[in-house]
């Protein structure tokens, strides 16, 4: 691995035009500009899921010890859960629509404002649920890992109601073993391209047949351990190839070793090493990786370029607090690209791997707008 500076790391509602202007101003780059045409779906990506308020403690030297008090050197609060993916997509310039339930407490108001006003995300399919408090996750980051404690209650079953997803180029789904999500099939029938990840199978079955909605997906992005367990393979690369019997594109993340991908339809394979960075908080890095891969796919890039953007955005995200508000925008990507090109000792072959960034980087090096970042408290007034 190479050092961190080197290559191997007003509520908007549902007005698409207003959101488009907001997203373009914030992201500076529209990666789909050359592909847009009259009659396109209003949204590039649709998501649904649970929004948490994440409270993250960093700067812990060790895991908390029972019966003692630990002090953290850093703390941040930000929207979490599905908000991690939504913000990452929006910051990469994709028009993003989110269906989620929000509590009517201050936490819910903060998360709604951060996503709608701060990130330009369409929350028309979302709902505020009276009398329901927002789910909360406390995350403690140490030794490059994290430990989380969450609390929340199920919202009323009708909130939100994602059974009729809006037209979108793509959707990101988290598959649950043994359970179908009706909206996935509905979206796929409308021509939406489905990208899926999966969590740990607590049942221990690791049966691909239990991931019934995989049949509607274009791409599946598990980590190496998940991929090997689902396929019975002893090698992550072999697992990726085995998965393409069930889904056209398989992407297996390899942690510090990067990622490997196979596209059954084109015959492409790609492997991109990780970018080594000093991680402050790994929360949401997997979501940012998926967002980068979705962006490159919708833009029609080669498989290796999609994988490289995904790994780069994930690496940049772990250097900031919080999942959703740690996601990089094109200014951060541009700053990294200019920096690595300025290093006399940089490997020319490594530079060529990221040359696809050149036409996308904003020409002006300064940020025209400040990215929102996680803050220690959500109690200050708006202008504090």
Protein backbone atom coordinates (compact mmCIF):
# COMPACT_ATOMS: atom_id res chain seq x y z
CA UNK A 1 0.00 0.00 0.00
CA UNK A 2 1.09 3.54 -0.67
CA UNK A 3 0.90 6.59 1.61
CA UNK A 4 -2.33 8.54 1.97
CA UNK A 5 -1.31 11.15 -0.59
CA UNK A 6 -0.48 8.56 -3.21
CA UNK A 7 -2.28 6.04 -5.39
CA UNK A 8 -2.01 2.42 -4.20
CA UNK A 9 -6.75 6.47 -1.18
CA UNK A 10 -34.80 25.92 1.61
CA UNK A 11 -36.27 22.24 1.56
CA UNK A 12 -36.43 21.18 -2.06
CA UNK A 13 -39.40 18.83 -2.07
CA UNK A 14 -39.97 17.01 -5.31
CA UNK A 15 -39.24 19.60 -8.03
CA UNK A 16 -36.78 17.81 -10.33
CA UNK A 17 -35.57 21.00 -12.01
CA UNK A 18 -34.91 22.73 -8.69
CA UNK A 19 -33.13 19.66 -7.39
CA UNK A 20 -31.12 19.39 -10.58
CA UNK A 21 -29.89 22.96 -10.23
CA UNK A 22 -29.05 22.34 -6.57
CA UNK A 23 -27.20 19.10 -7.24
CA UNK A 24 -25.22 20.55 -10.14
CA UNK A 25 -24.18 23.54 -8.05
CA UNK A 26 -23.08 21.32 -5.20
CA UNK A 27 -21.46 18.52 -7.17
CA UNK A 28 -19.94 20.85 -9.82
CA UNK A 29 -19.90 17.88 -12.19
CA UNK A 30 -22.73 16.05 -13.92
CA UNK A 31 -21.19 12.69 -14.86
CA UNK A 32 -24.24 11.87 -17.00
CA UNK A 33 -24.37 15.18 -18.90
CA UNK A 34 -23.50 13.61 -22.25
CA UNK A 35 -26.21 10.99 -21.84
CA UNK A 36 -29.15 13.12 -20.76
CA UNK A 37 -32.03 13.49 -23.20
CA UNK A 38 -35.69 14.60 -23.19
CA UNK A 39 -37.91 11.89 -21.80
CA UNK A 40 -35.32 10.56 -19.39
CA UNK A 41 -36.51 9.47 -15.93
CA UNK A 42 -36.58 12.40 -13.51
CA UNK A 43 -34.23 10.62 -11.11
CA UNK A 44 -30.92 8.91 -11.64
CA UNK A 45 -31.13 6.76 -8.51
CA UNK A 46 -33.92 5.73 -6.15
CA UNK A 47 -33.38 4.33 -2.65
CA UNK A 48 -35.49 3.30 0.29
CA UNK A 49 -34.53 2.30 3.80
CA UNK A 50 -34.08 3.53 7.35
CA UNK A 51 -32.45 6.85 8.21
CA UNK A 52 -30.60 6.87 11.53
CA UNK A 53 -29.05 9.71 13.44
CA UNK A 54 -25.42 8.63 13.72
CA UNK A 55 -23.34 9.83 16.66
CA UNK A 56 -19.72 8.89 16.07
CA UNK A 57 -16.86 8.91 18.60
CA UNK A 58 -13.32 8.78 17.21
CA UNK A 59 -9.84 9.08 18.67
CA UNK A 60 -10.30 6.17 21.03
CA UNK A 61 -7.04 4.39 21.72
CA UNK A 62 -8.72 1.07 22.50
CA UNK A 63 -12.13 -0.49 22.78
CA UNK A 64 -14.14 0.66 25.80
CA UNK A 65 -13.38 -1.41 28.89
CA UNK A 66 -16.20 -2.59 31.13
CA UNK A 67 -16.45 -0.60 34.34
CA UNK A 68 -14.34 2.33 33.06
CA UNK A 69 -14.97 5.66 31.37
CA UNK A 70 -13.35 6.38 28.00
CA UNK A 71 -12.85 9.83 26.53
CA UNK A 72 -12.91 10.32 22.76
CA UNK A 73 -10.78 12.96 21.09
CA UNK A 74 -13.39 13.53 18.37
CA UNK A 75 -17.16 13.38 17.94
CA UNK A 76 -19.55 14.00 15.08
CA UNK A 77 -23.27 13.69 14.33
CA UNK A 78 -24.81 13.13 10.90
CA UNK A 79 -27.66 11.32 9.14
CA UNK A 80 -26.88 7.62 8.81
CA UNK A 81 -28.33 4.38 7.54
CA UNK A 82 -29.62 4.71 3.98
CA UNK A 83 -28.65 8.40 4.14
CA UNK A 84 -25.02 7.33 3.71
CA UNK A 85 -25.72 6.03 0.22
CA UNK A 86 -28.09 8.85 -0.73
CA UNK A 87 -25.64 11.60 0.17
CA UNK A 88 -22.75 9.85 -1.58
CA UNK A 89 -24.75 9.57 -4.80
CA UNK A 90 -25.91 13.19 -4.65
CA UNK A 91 -22.37 14.48 -4.05
CA UNK A 92 -21.24 12.66 -7.18
CA UNK A 93 -23.83 14.57 -9.20
CA UNK A 94 -26.62 12.02 -9.49
CA UNK A 95 -30.24 13.11 -9.08
CA UNK A 96 -31.26 11.08 -6.06
CA UNK A 97 -34.70 10.26 -4.64
CA UNK A 98 -35.14 8.69 -1.21
CA UNK A 99 -38.15 7.03 0.45
CA UNK A 100 -37.71 6.84 4.22
CA UNK A 101 -39.59 7.41 7.45
CA UNK A 102 -38.46 10.36 9.59
CA UNK A 103 -39.32 10.94 13.22
CA UNK A 104 -41.04 14.18 14.16
CA UNK A 105 -38.39 14.86 16.83
CA UNK A 106 -35.39 17.21 16.50
CA UNK A 107 -33.24 14.36 15.23
CA UNK A 108 -35.68 13.73 12.41
CA UNK A 109 -35.88 17.42 11.54
CA UNK A 110 -32.10 17.64 11.44
CA UNK A 111 -31.76 14.60 9.17
CA UNK A 112 -34.50 15.82 6.82
CA UNK A 113 -32.91 19.25 6.55
CA UNK A 114 -29.42 17.86 6.03
CA UNK A 115 -30.59 15.62 3.17
CA UNK A 116 -33.15 17.83 1.44
CA UNK A 117 -31.70 21.29 1.90
CA UNK A 118 -28.07 20.36 2.39
CA UNK A 119 -27.66 17.65 -0.27
CA UNK A 120 -30.48 18.36 -2.75
CA UNK A 121 -32.00 14.89 -2.29
CA UNK A 122 -35.65 14.44 -3.28
CA UNK A 123 -37.68 13.40 -0.24
CA UNK A 124 -41.09 13.45 -1.93
CA UNK A 125 -41.55 9.68 -1.31
CA UNK A 126 -40.52 10.12 2.35
CA UNK A 127 -42.82 10.75 5.31
CA UNK A 128 -42.61 12.28 8.77
CA UNK A 129 -44.25 9.90 11.26
CA UNK A 130 -46.01 11.66 14.16
CA UNK A 131 -44.98 10.42 17.59
CA UNK A 132 -42.17 8.21 16.27
CA UNK A 133 -38.67 8.93 17.51
CA UNK A 134 -35.74 8.71 15.14
CA UNK A 135 -33.54 5.60 15.24
CA UNK A 136 -30.11 6.37 16.69
CA UNK A 137 -26.73 4.67 16.29
CA UNK A 138 -23.71 5.41 18.45
CA UNK A 139 -20.49 4.36 16.71
CA UNK A 140 -17.06 4.10 18.31
CA UNK A 141 -14.10 4.06 15.92
CA UNK A 142 -10.75 2.66 17.03
CA UNK A 143 -7.92 0.58 15.59
CA UNK A 144 -9.33 1.00 12.08
CA UNK A 145 -12.62 -0.64 13.03
CA UNK A 146 -15.85 0.42 14.69
CA UNK A 147 -18.32 -0.83 17.27
CA UNK A 148 -21.94 0.30 17.06
CA UNK A 149 -24.93 0.43 19.39
CA UNK A 150 -28.33 1.20 17.85
CA UNK A 151 -31.82 1.86 19.18
CA UNK A 152 -35.09 2.37 17.37
CA UNK A 153 -38.67 1.21 16.90
CA UNK A 154 -40.42 -0.03 13.77
CA UNK A 155 -42.38 2.76 12.06
CA UNK A 156 -46.03 2.15 11.14
CA UNK A 157 -46.09 -0.34 8.23
CA UNK A 158 -47.45 2.21 5.77
CA UNK A 159 -44.55 4.61 6.42
CA UNK A 160 -42.90 5.07 4.00
CA UNK A 161 -44.76 3.47 1.10
CA UNK A 162 -42.15 2.46 -1.48
CA UNK A 163 -44.34 -0.04 -3.35
CA UNK A 164 -44.63 2.35 -6.30
CA UNK A 165 -41.09 3.64 -6.79
CA UNK A 166 -40.65 6.69 -9.04
CA UNK A 167 -39.06 6.22 -12.49
CA UNK A 168 -35.28 6.20 -12.17
CA UNK A 169 -32.27 5.05 -14.15
CA UNK A 170 -31.10 2.93 -11.22
CA UNK A 171 -31.98 1.86 -7.71
CA UNK A 172 -29.83 0.56 -4.87
CA UNK A 173 -31.27 -2.21 -2.73
CA UNK A 174 -30.07 -4.06 0.35
CA UNK A 175 -31.16 -7.68 0.00
CA UNK A 176 -32.51 -9.60 3.00
CA UNK A 177 -32.17 -13.40 3.04
CA UNK A 178 -35.56 -15.11 2.82
CA UNK A 179 -37.50 -11.94 2.14
CA UNK A 180 -38.62 -10.23 -1.06
CA UNK A 181 -39.05 -6.45 -1.35
CA UNK A 182 -41.92 -5.91 -3.84
CA UNK A 183 -40.63 -2.54 -4.97
CA UNK A 184 -37.49 -4.13 -6.48
CA UNK A 185 -39.44 -6.19 -9.03
CA UNK A 186 -41.69 -3.21 -9.76
CA UNK A 187 -38.74 -0.93 -10.39
CA UNK A 188 -37.01 -3.52 -12.59
CA UNK A 189 -40.15 -3.90 -14.72
CA UNK A 190 -40.02 -0.14 -15.36
CA UNK A 191 -36.48 -0.48 -16.71
CA UNK A 192 -34.67 0.61 -13.55
CA UNK A 193 -31.24 -1.00 -13.18
CA UNK A 194 -30.95 -2.57 -9.72
CA UNK A 195 -27.66 -2.58 -7.78
CA UNK A 196 -27.68 -4.71 -4.63
CA UNK A 197 -25.60 -5.31 -1.56
CA UNK A 198 -26.33 -7.61 1.36
CA UNK A 199 -25.72 -7.76 5.08
CA UNK A 200 -24.45 -10.62 7.21
CA UNK A 201 -26.72 -13.67 7.12
CA UNK A 202 -27.63 -14.17 10.78
CA UNK A 203 -29.43 -17.42 9.90
CA UNK A 204 -26.14 -19.01 8.87
CA UNK A 205 -27.78 -20.53 5.78
CA UNK A 206 -25.84 -18.51 3.19
CA UNK A 207 -28.20 -19.73 0.49
CA UNK A 208 -28.24 -17.69 -2.72
CA UNK A 209 -31.74 -18.99 -3.42
CA UNK A 210 -32.82 -17.06 -0.33
CA UNK A 211 -31.82 -13.82 -2.06
CA UNK A 212 -34.86 -14.04 -4.32
CA UNK A 213 -34.65 -10.46 -5.57
CA UNK A 214 -31.18 -11.11 -6.98
CA UNK A 215 -32.93 -12.22 -10.18
CA UNK A 216 -33.95 -8.59 -10.80
CA UNK A 217 -30.47 -7.14 -10.21
CA UNK A 218 -27.84 -5.98 -12.67
CA UNK A 219 -25.01 -5.93 -10.13
CA UNK A 220 -24.32 -7.54 -6.76
CA UNK A 221 -21.64 -6.06 -4.47
CA UNK A 222 -20.86 -8.25 -1.42
CA UNK A 223 -17.62 -8.27 0.53
CA UNK A 224 -15.17 -11.15 0.17
CA UNK A 225 -16.39 -13.13 3.18
CA UNK A 226 -20.03 -12.85 2.12
CA UNK A 227 -19.23 -13.78 -1.48
CA UNK A 228 -17.26 -16.88 -0.45
CA UNK A 229 -19.91 -18.06 1.99
CA UNK A 230 -22.72 -17.65 -0.57
CA UNK A 231 -20.82 -19.53 -3.27
CA UNK A 232 -18.87 -22.03 -1.19
CA UNK A 233 -15.64 -20.74 -2.77
CA UNK A 234 -12.34 -20.50 -0.96
CA UNK A 235 -11.10 -17.58 -3.10
CA UNK A 236 -12.82 -14.18 -3.48
CA UNK A 237 -12.09 -14.04 -7.22
CA UNK A 238 -13.55 -17.47 -7.78
CA UNK A 239 -16.58 -16.37 -5.77
CA UNK A 240 -17.05 -13.35 -8.05
CA UNK A 241 -17.05 -15.57 -11.13
CA UNK A 242 -19.49 -17.98 -9.47
CA UNK A 243 -21.86 -15.13 -8.65
CA UNK A 244 -22.15 -14.18 -12.32
CA UNK A 245 -24.21 -17.33 -12.79
CA UNK A 246 -26.90 -15.46 -10.86
CA UNK A 247 -26.33 -11.79 -11.72
CA UNK A 248 -24.66 -10.10 -14.73
CA UNK A 249 -22.07 -8.11 -12.75
CA UNK A 250 -20.39 -9.25 -9.53
CA UNK A 251 -18.17 -6.93 -7.50
CA UNK A 252 -16.33 -8.33 -4.48
CA UNK A 253 -14.67 -5.91 -2.10
CA UNK A 254 -11.36 -7.14 -0.69
CA UNK A 255 -10.79 -4.70 2.17
CA UNK A 256 -7.22 -3.39 2.22
CA UNK A 257 -6.50 -5.26 -1.02
CA UNK A 258 -9.05 -3.33 -3.09
CA UNK A 259 -11.81 -4.92 -5.16
CA UNK A 260 -12.37 -7.41 -7.97
CA UNK A 261 -15.22 -7.40 -10.51
CA UNK A 262 -16.56 -9.56 -13.31
CA UNK A 263 -19.05 -8.60 -16.04
CA UNK A 264 -20.60 -11.74 -17.55
CA UNK A 265 -22.08 -9.92 -20.53
CA UNK A 266 -18.89 -8.29 -21.78
CA UNK A 267 -16.37 -10.78 -20.43
CA UNK A 268 -14.54 -7.96 -18.62
CA UNK A 269 -12.71 -8.57 -15.37
CA UNK A 270 -11.04 -5.86 -13.32
CA UNK A 271 -8.99 -5.62 -10.17
CA UNK A 272 -8.06 -2.32 -8.56
CA UNK A 273 -5.86 -2.03 -5.44
CA UNK A 274 -6.99 -0.05 -2.44
CA UNK A 275 -5.74 3.46 -1.76
CA UNK A 276 -4.10 3.50 1.65
CA UNK A 277 -5.28 6.30 3.92
CA UNK A 278 -5.27 7.05 7.61
CA UNK A 279 -8.85 6.20 8.56
CA UNK A 280 -10.61 8.53 10.99
CA UNK A 281 -14.02 6.85 10.72
CA UNK A 282 -14.89 3.93 8.39
CA UNK A 283 -18.65 4.43 8.83
CA UNK A 284 -20.41 4.34 5.48
CA UNK A 285 -17.34 3.54 3.39
CA UNK A 286 -19.09 0.55 1.82
CA UNK A 287 -22.04 2.74 0.83
CA UNK A 288 -19.72 5.30 -0.74
CA UNK A 289 -18.02 2.50 -2.69
CA UNK A 290 -21.37 1.37 -4.11
CA UNK A 291 -22.27 4.97 -4.99
CA UNK A 292 -19.05 5.37 -6.95
CA UNK A 293 -19.64 2.13 -8.82
CA UNK A 294 -23.24 3.09 -9.67
CA UNK A 295 -22.06 6.50 -10.93
CA UNK A 296 -19.47 4.98 -13.24
CA UNK A 297 -21.91 2.36 -14.50
CA UNK A 298 -24.62 4.88 -15.37
CA UNK A 299 -21.97 6.98 -17.12
CA UNK A 300 -21.06 3.98 -19.29
CA UNK A 301 -17.45 3.65 -18.15
CA UNK A 302 -15.28 0.53 -18.50
CA UNK A 303 -15.43 -1.85 -15.56
CA UNK A 304 -11.94 -0.96 -14.27
CA UNK A 305 -12.75 2.78 -14.22
CA UNK A 306 -15.96 2.13 -12.30
CA UNK A 307 -14.04 0.08 -9.78
CA UNK A 308 -11.31 2.73 -9.46
CA UNK A 309 -13.80 5.55 -8.77
CA UNK A 310 -15.60 3.39 -6.21
CA UNK A 311 -12.38 2.64 -4.34
CA UNK A 312 -11.17 6.22 -4.48
CA UNK A 313 -14.38 7.74 -3.13
CA UNK A 314 -14.51 5.16 -0.33
CA UNK A 315 -10.90 5.90 0.63
CA UNK A 316 -11.51 9.65 0.74
CA UNK A 317 -14.64 9.18 2.85
CA UNK A 318 -12.92 7.46 5.79
CA UNK A 319 -10.83 10.57 6.44
CA UNK A 320 -13.91 12.48 7.66
CA UNK A 321 -16.45 12.01 10.48
CA UNK A 322 -19.78 10.37 9.86
CA UNK A 323 -21.15 8.17 7.09
CA UNK A 324 -23.32 10.46 4.97
CA UNK A 325 -21.45 13.73 5.43
CA UNK A 326 -18.04 12.12 4.95
CA UNK A 327 -18.74 11.34 1.28
CA UNK A 328 -16.45 13.26 -1.08
CA UNK A 329 -17.62 15.63 -3.79
CA UNK A 330 -15.81 16.35 -7.03
CA UNK A 331 -13.76 19.10 -5.37
CA UNK A 332 -12.23 16.55 -2.98
CA UNK A 333 -11.65 14.11 -5.82
CA UNK A 334 -10.03 16.89 -7.84
CA UNK A 335 -7.81 17.97 -4.96
CA UNK A 336 -6.59 14.39 -4.54
CA UNK A 337 -5.94 14.01 -8.27
CA UNK A 338 -3.95 17.25 -8.48
CA UNK A 339 -1.94 16.26 -5.41
CA UNK A 340 -0.90 12.80 -6.63
CA UNK A 341 0.08 14.21 -10.03
CA UNK A 342 2.38 16.71 -8.34
CA UNK A 343 4.48 14.01 -6.66
CA UNK A 344 7.79 13.42 -8.42
CA UNK A 345 7.96 9.89 -7.05
CA UNK A 346 4.53 8.88 -8.24
CA UNK A 347 4.32 5.68 -10.25
CA UNK A 348 3.36 6.60 -13.87
CA UNK A 349 1.39 3.37 -14.26
CA UNK A 350 -0.64 4.20 -11.16
CA UNK A 351 -1.36 7.66 -12.54
CA UNK A 352 -2.60 6.19 -15.81
CA UNK A 353 -5.09 4.08 -13.85
CA UNK A 354 -6.87 7.29 -12.79
CA UNK A 355 -6.45 9.32 -15.99
CA UNK A 356 -10.17 8.92 -16.68
CA UNK A 357 -10.71 11.60 -14.00
CA UNK A 358 -9.14 14.35 -16.14
CA UNK A 359 -12.28 15.44 -18.07
CA UNK A 360 -14.41 15.30 -14.91
CA UNK A 361 -12.37 17.39 -12.51
CA UNK A 362 -13.66 20.96 -11.93
CA UNK A 363 -11.38 23.46 -13.66
CA UNK A 364 -11.46 25.89 -10.72
CA UNK A 365 -9.52 24.46 -7.76
CA UNK A 366 -11.49 26.28 -5.04
CA UNK A 367 -14.76 25.02 -3.65
CA UNK A 368 -17.68 27.26 -4.64
CA UNK A 369 -19.69 25.87 -1.74
CA UNK A 370 -18.82 24.24 1.58
CA UNK A 371 -19.57 20.56 2.02
CA UNK A 372 -21.56 19.89 5.16
CA UNK A 373 -19.60 17.81 7.63
CA UNK A 374 -20.62 15.98 10.77
CA UNK A 375 -20.69 18.26 13.81
CA UNK A 376 -20.41 17.49 17.54
CA UNK A 377 -23.94 18.74 18.27
CA UNK A 378 -27.15 19.37 16.40
CA UNK A 379 -28.36 21.81 19.04
CA UNK A 380 -26.96 25.03 17.60
CA UNK A 381 -29.24 27.34 15.63
CA UNK A 382 -29.05 27.38 11.83
CA UNK A 383 -26.78 30.43 11.73
CA UNK A 384 -24.57 29.46 14.66
